[in-house]
């Protein structure tokens, strides 16, 4: 497994074992590698709301989740968020 933001493979640590959520030690990105994370559970890491104020770019982190939504649909959430507020700053 490797980080989708910086391609690092070593030292990836598991944040939530049951949902297979990982964090990269190099860039701080959070991601999962299989759709075992429900869409609602992904909101524990990144809220589904946009930030209203800018923050320094150095403070933002990448996120990339493949989630199971209602109706057994697979959805992808990815972009940049502020880990302090858990608010989205950019998608895609």
N, C-alpha and C. Protein backbone atom coordinates (compact mmCIF):
# COMPACT_ATOMS: atom_id res chain seq x y z
N UNK A 1 0.84 -1.17 0.00
CA UNK A 1 0.00 0.00 0.00
C UNK A 1 0.89 1.24 0.00
N UNK A 2 0.42 2.28 -0.69
CA UNK A 2 1.18 3.52 -0.69
C UNK A 2 0.25 4.71 -0.57
N UNK A 3 0.80 5.81 -0.12
CA UNK A 3 0.04 7.04 0.09
C UNK A 3 -0.41 7.59 -1.26
N UNK A 4 -1.70 7.94 -1.40
CA UNK A 4 -2.17 8.50 -2.68
C UNK A 4 -1.70 9.93 -2.93
N UNK A 5 -1.16 10.59 -1.90
CA UNK A 5 -0.71 11.97 -2.07
C UNK A 5 0.78 12.06 -2.42
N UNK A 6 1.61 11.27 -1.72
CA UNK A 6 3.07 11.40 -1.93
C UNK A 6 3.75 10.09 -2.34
N UNK A 7 2.99 9.02 -2.47
CA UNK A 7 3.49 7.70 -2.89
C UNK A 7 4.39 7.01 -1.88
N UNK A 8 4.48 7.49 -0.67
CA UNK A 8 5.30 6.82 0.34
C UNK A 8 4.69 5.46 0.66
N UNK A 9 5.55 4.45 0.85
CA UNK A 9 5.08 3.11 1.18
C UNK A 9 5.46 2.68 2.59
N UNK A 10 6.55 3.21 3.11
CA UNK A 10 7.03 2.79 4.42
C UNK A 10 6.41 3.62 5.54
N UNK A 11 6.13 2.96 6.64
CA UNK A 11 5.69 3.66 7.83
C UNK A 11 4.23 4.09 7.85
N UNK A 12 3.45 3.66 6.88
CA UNK A 12 2.02 3.99 6.88
C UNK A 12 1.40 3.37 8.12
N UNK A 13 0.71 4.20 8.92
CA UNK A 13 0.15 3.65 10.15
C UNK A 13 -1.38 3.59 10.07
N UNK A 14 -1.91 2.55 10.67
CA UNK A 14 -3.34 2.34 10.69
C UNK A 14 -3.96 3.20 11.79
N UNK A 15 -4.92 4.03 11.42
CA UNK A 15 -5.58 4.91 12.38
C UNK A 15 -6.79 4.21 12.98
N UNK A 16 -7.58 3.56 12.14
CA UNK A 16 -8.78 2.86 12.57
C UNK A 16 -8.80 1.47 11.94
N UNK A 17 -8.45 0.45 12.69
CA UNK A 17 -8.36 -0.91 12.13
C UNK A 17 -9.64 -1.43 11.47
N UNK A 18 -10.79 -1.23 12.07
CA UNK A 18 -12.02 -1.80 11.52
C UNK A 18 -12.43 -1.14 10.19
N UNK A 19 -12.07 0.10 9.99
CA UNK A 19 -12.43 0.80 8.75
C UNK A 19 -11.26 0.85 7.78
N UNK A 20 -10.12 0.34 8.17
CA UNK A 20 -8.92 0.37 7.34
C UNK A 20 -8.58 1.79 6.90
N UNK A 21 -8.50 2.69 7.87
CA UNK A 21 -8.11 4.08 7.61
C UNK A 21 -6.65 4.23 8.02
N UNK A 22 -5.85 4.83 7.14
CA UNK A 22 -4.42 4.94 7.35
C UNK A 22 -3.98 6.40 7.31
N UNK A 23 -2.79 6.66 7.88
CA UNK A 23 -2.20 7.99 7.84
C UNK A 23 -0.76 7.88 7.37
N UNK A 24 -0.36 8.77 6.48
CA UNK A 24 1.01 8.80 5.97
C UNK A 24 1.89 9.60 6.91
N UNK A 25 3.04 9.04 7.31
CA UNK A 25 3.93 9.77 8.21
C UNK A 25 4.67 10.93 7.53
N UNK A 26 4.77 10.90 6.22
CA UNK A 26 5.49 11.96 5.51
C UNK A 26 4.63 13.20 5.30
N UNK A 27 3.45 13.04 4.74
CA UNK A 27 2.64 14.21 4.37
C UNK A 27 1.39 14.38 5.22
N UNK A 28 1.06 13.39 6.05
CA UNK A 28 -0.10 13.50 6.92
C UNK A 28 -1.43 13.18 6.26
N UNK A 29 -1.41 12.68 5.03
CA UNK A 29 -2.65 12.33 4.33
C UNK A 29 -3.35 11.20 5.07
N UNK A 30 -4.69 11.20 5.02
CA UNK A 30 -5.46 10.08 5.55
C UNK A 30 -6.24 9.47 4.40
N UNK A 31 -6.36 8.14 4.40
CA UNK A 31 -6.98 7.44 3.29
C UNK A 31 -7.36 6.03 3.71
N UNK A 32 -8.16 5.38 2.90
CA UNK A 32 -8.45 3.97 3.11
C UNK A 32 -8.16 3.22 1.82
N UNK A 33 -8.06 1.90 1.93
CA UNK A 33 -7.68 1.13 0.74
C UNK A 33 -8.78 0.17 0.29
N UNK A 34 -9.93 0.20 0.94
CA UNK A 34 -11.06 -0.62 0.55
C UNK A 34 -12.34 0.01 1.09
N UNK A 35 -13.45 -0.23 0.44
CA UNK A 35 -14.70 0.45 0.86
C UNK A 35 -15.38 -0.19 2.07
N UNK A 36 -14.67 -0.27 3.18
CA UNK A 36 -15.26 -0.77 4.42
C UNK A 36 -15.66 0.38 5.33
N UNK A 37 -15.50 1.58 4.86
CA UNK A 37 -15.84 2.78 5.62
C UNK A 37 -17.18 3.30 5.12
N UNK A 38 -18.15 3.38 6.01
CA UNK A 38 -19.44 3.95 5.62
C UNK A 38 -19.28 5.45 5.42
N UNK A 39 -20.09 6.00 4.53
CA UNK A 39 -20.02 7.43 4.24
C UNK A 39 -20.15 8.25 5.52
N UNK A 40 -21.10 7.93 6.36
CA UNK A 40 -21.29 8.65 7.62
C UNK A 40 -20.09 8.54 8.54
N UNK A 41 -19.42 7.40 8.53
CA UNK A 41 -18.22 7.23 9.36
C UNK A 41 -17.08 8.10 8.87
N UNK A 42 -17.04 8.38 7.58
CA UNK A 42 -15.96 9.22 7.04
C UNK A 42 -16.03 10.63 7.58
N UNK A 43 -17.22 11.05 8.05
CA UNK A 43 -17.39 12.39 8.62
C UNK A 43 -16.69 12.54 9.96
N UNK A 44 -16.28 11.44 10.57
CA UNK A 44 -15.49 11.51 11.80
C UNK A 44 -14.09 12.07 11.51
N UNK A 45 -13.63 11.91 10.28
CA UNK A 45 -12.29 12.36 9.89
C UNK A 45 -12.35 13.70 9.15
N UNK A 46 -13.28 13.81 8.20
CA UNK A 46 -13.45 15.04 7.41
C UNK A 46 -14.94 15.33 7.34
N UNK A 47 -15.34 16.46 7.89
CA UNK A 47 -16.75 16.84 7.89
C UNK A 47 -17.23 17.13 6.47
N UNK A 48 -18.52 17.01 6.19
CA UNK A 48 -19.03 17.28 4.84
C UNK A 48 -19.35 18.75 4.61
N UNK A 49 -18.56 19.64 5.20
CA UNK A 49 -18.82 21.08 5.10
C UNK A 49 -17.57 21.81 4.62
N UNK A 50 -17.81 22.91 3.90
CA UNK A 50 -16.71 23.75 3.41
C UNK A 50 -16.29 24.74 4.49
N UNK A 51 -14.99 25.00 4.54
CA UNK A 51 -14.45 26.02 5.43
C UNK A 51 -14.83 27.39 4.89
N UNK A 52 -15.05 28.33 5.79
CA UNK A 52 -15.42 29.68 5.38
C UNK A 52 -14.22 30.61 5.36
N UNK A 53 -13.15 30.23 6.04
CA UNK A 53 -11.95 31.06 6.09
C UNK A 53 -10.74 30.28 5.60
N UNK A 54 -9.81 31.01 4.99
CA UNK A 54 -8.58 30.39 4.53
C UNK A 54 -7.65 30.09 5.69
N UNK A 55 -6.83 29.08 5.50
CA UNK A 55 -5.77 28.75 6.44
C UNK A 55 -4.48 28.62 5.65
N UNK A 56 -3.32 28.67 6.29
CA UNK A 56 -2.07 28.49 5.55
C UNK A 56 -2.06 27.13 4.84
N UNK A 57 -1.55 27.11 3.64
CA UNK A 57 -1.50 25.89 2.84
C UNK A 57 -0.77 24.77 3.58
N UNK A 58 0.24 25.12 4.36
CA UNK A 58 1.02 24.12 5.10
C UNK A 58 0.16 23.38 6.11
N UNK A 59 -0.96 23.95 6.49
CA UNK A 59 -1.83 23.35 7.50
C UNK A 59 -2.78 22.32 6.89
N UNK A 60 -2.99 22.36 5.58
CA UNK A 60 -3.94 21.47 4.93
C UNK A 60 -3.33 20.08 4.72
N UNK A 61 -4.20 19.08 4.75
CA UNK A 61 -3.80 17.69 4.53
C UNK A 61 -4.72 17.07 3.49
N UNK A 62 -4.19 16.10 2.77
CA UNK A 62 -4.96 15.40 1.75
C UNK A 62 -5.78 14.28 2.39
N UNK A 63 -6.97 14.05 1.86
CA UNK A 63 -7.77 12.90 2.28
C UNK A 63 -8.32 12.21 1.04
N UNK A 64 -8.49 10.90 1.13
CA UNK A 64 -8.99 10.11 0.00
C UNK A 64 -9.70 8.88 0.56
N UNK A 65 -11.02 8.92 0.54
CA UNK A 65 -11.83 7.82 1.07
C UNK A 65 -12.71 7.23 -0.01
N UNK A 66 -12.77 5.90 -0.05
CA UNK A 66 -13.75 5.18 -0.84
C UNK A 66 -14.75 4.65 0.18
N UNK A 67 -16.00 5.08 0.05
CA UNK A 67 -17.00 4.81 1.09
C UNK A 67 -18.19 4.05 0.53
N UNK A 68 -18.84 3.33 1.44
CA UNK A 68 -20.08 2.65 1.12
C UNK A 68 -21.22 3.57 1.54
N UNK A 69 -22.06 3.97 0.57
CA UNK A 69 -23.19 4.86 0.83
C UNK A 69 -24.48 4.05 0.80
N UNK A 70 -25.59 4.70 1.07
CA UNK A 70 -26.88 4.02 1.07
C UNK A 70 -27.16 3.41 -0.30
N UNK A 71 -27.91 2.33 -0.29
CA UNK A 71 -28.20 1.64 -1.53
C UNK A 71 -27.02 0.84 -2.05
N UNK A 72 -26.05 0.55 -1.17
CA UNK A 72 -24.84 -0.18 -1.53
C UNK A 72 -24.04 0.48 -2.65
N UNK A 73 -24.11 1.79 -2.73
CA UNK A 73 -23.33 2.54 -3.71
C UNK A 73 -21.95 2.84 -3.15
N UNK A 74 -20.96 2.84 -4.00
CA UNK A 74 -19.60 3.19 -3.63
C UNK A 74 -19.37 4.64 -4.06
N UNK A 75 -18.94 5.48 -3.12
CA UNK A 75 -18.65 6.88 -3.43
C UNK A 75 -17.22 7.20 -2.99
N UNK A 76 -16.65 8.18 -3.65
CA UNK A 76 -15.30 8.60 -3.31
C UNK A 76 -15.33 10.03 -2.81
N UNK A 77 -14.67 10.26 -1.68
CA UNK A 77 -14.48 11.61 -1.13
C UNK A 77 -12.99 11.85 -1.11
N UNK A 78 -12.54 12.92 -1.72
CA UNK A 78 -11.11 13.23 -1.70
C UNK A 78 -10.88 14.70 -1.93
N UNK A 79 -9.78 15.19 -1.42
CA UNK A 79 -9.43 16.60 -1.56
C UNK A 79 -8.52 17.03 -0.44
N UNK A 80 -8.63 18.29 -0.02
CA UNK A 80 -7.77 18.86 1.02
C UNK A 80 -8.64 19.38 2.16
N UNK A 81 -8.20 19.12 3.38
CA UNK A 81 -8.96 19.53 4.55
C UNK A 81 -8.01 20.04 5.63
N UNK A 82 -8.58 20.75 6.61
CA UNK A 82 -7.83 21.24 7.75
C UNK A 82 -8.04 20.26 8.90
N UNK A 83 -7.00 19.56 9.35
CA UNK A 83 -7.18 18.57 10.42
C UNK A 83 -7.63 19.17 11.75
N UNK A 84 -7.41 20.45 11.96
CA UNK A 84 -7.84 21.07 13.22
C UNK A 84 -9.35 21.24 13.27
N UNK A 85 -9.95 21.65 12.16
CA UNK A 85 -11.39 21.88 12.12
C UNK A 85 -12.15 20.76 11.44
N UNK A 86 -11.44 19.92 10.68
CA UNK A 86 -12.00 18.83 9.88
C UNK A 86 -12.89 19.36 8.74
N UNK A 87 -12.70 20.60 8.33
CA UNK A 87 -13.48 21.21 7.27
C UNK A 87 -12.75 21.11 5.92
N UNK A 88 -13.51 20.98 4.84
CA UNK A 88 -12.97 20.84 3.49
C UNK A 88 -12.53 22.20 2.96
N UNK A 89 -11.38 22.21 2.28
CA UNK A 89 -10.89 23.43 1.65
C UNK A 89 -10.82 23.30 0.13
N UNK A 90 -10.68 22.09 -0.36
CA UNK A 90 -10.65 21.87 -1.80
C UNK A 90 -10.98 20.41 -2.06
N UNK A 91 -11.71 20.13 -3.14
CA UNK A 91 -12.00 18.75 -3.51
C UNK A 91 -11.33 18.41 -4.82
N UNK A 92 -11.14 17.12 -5.02
CA UNK A 92 -10.61 16.61 -6.28
C UNK A 92 -9.19 16.83 -6.53
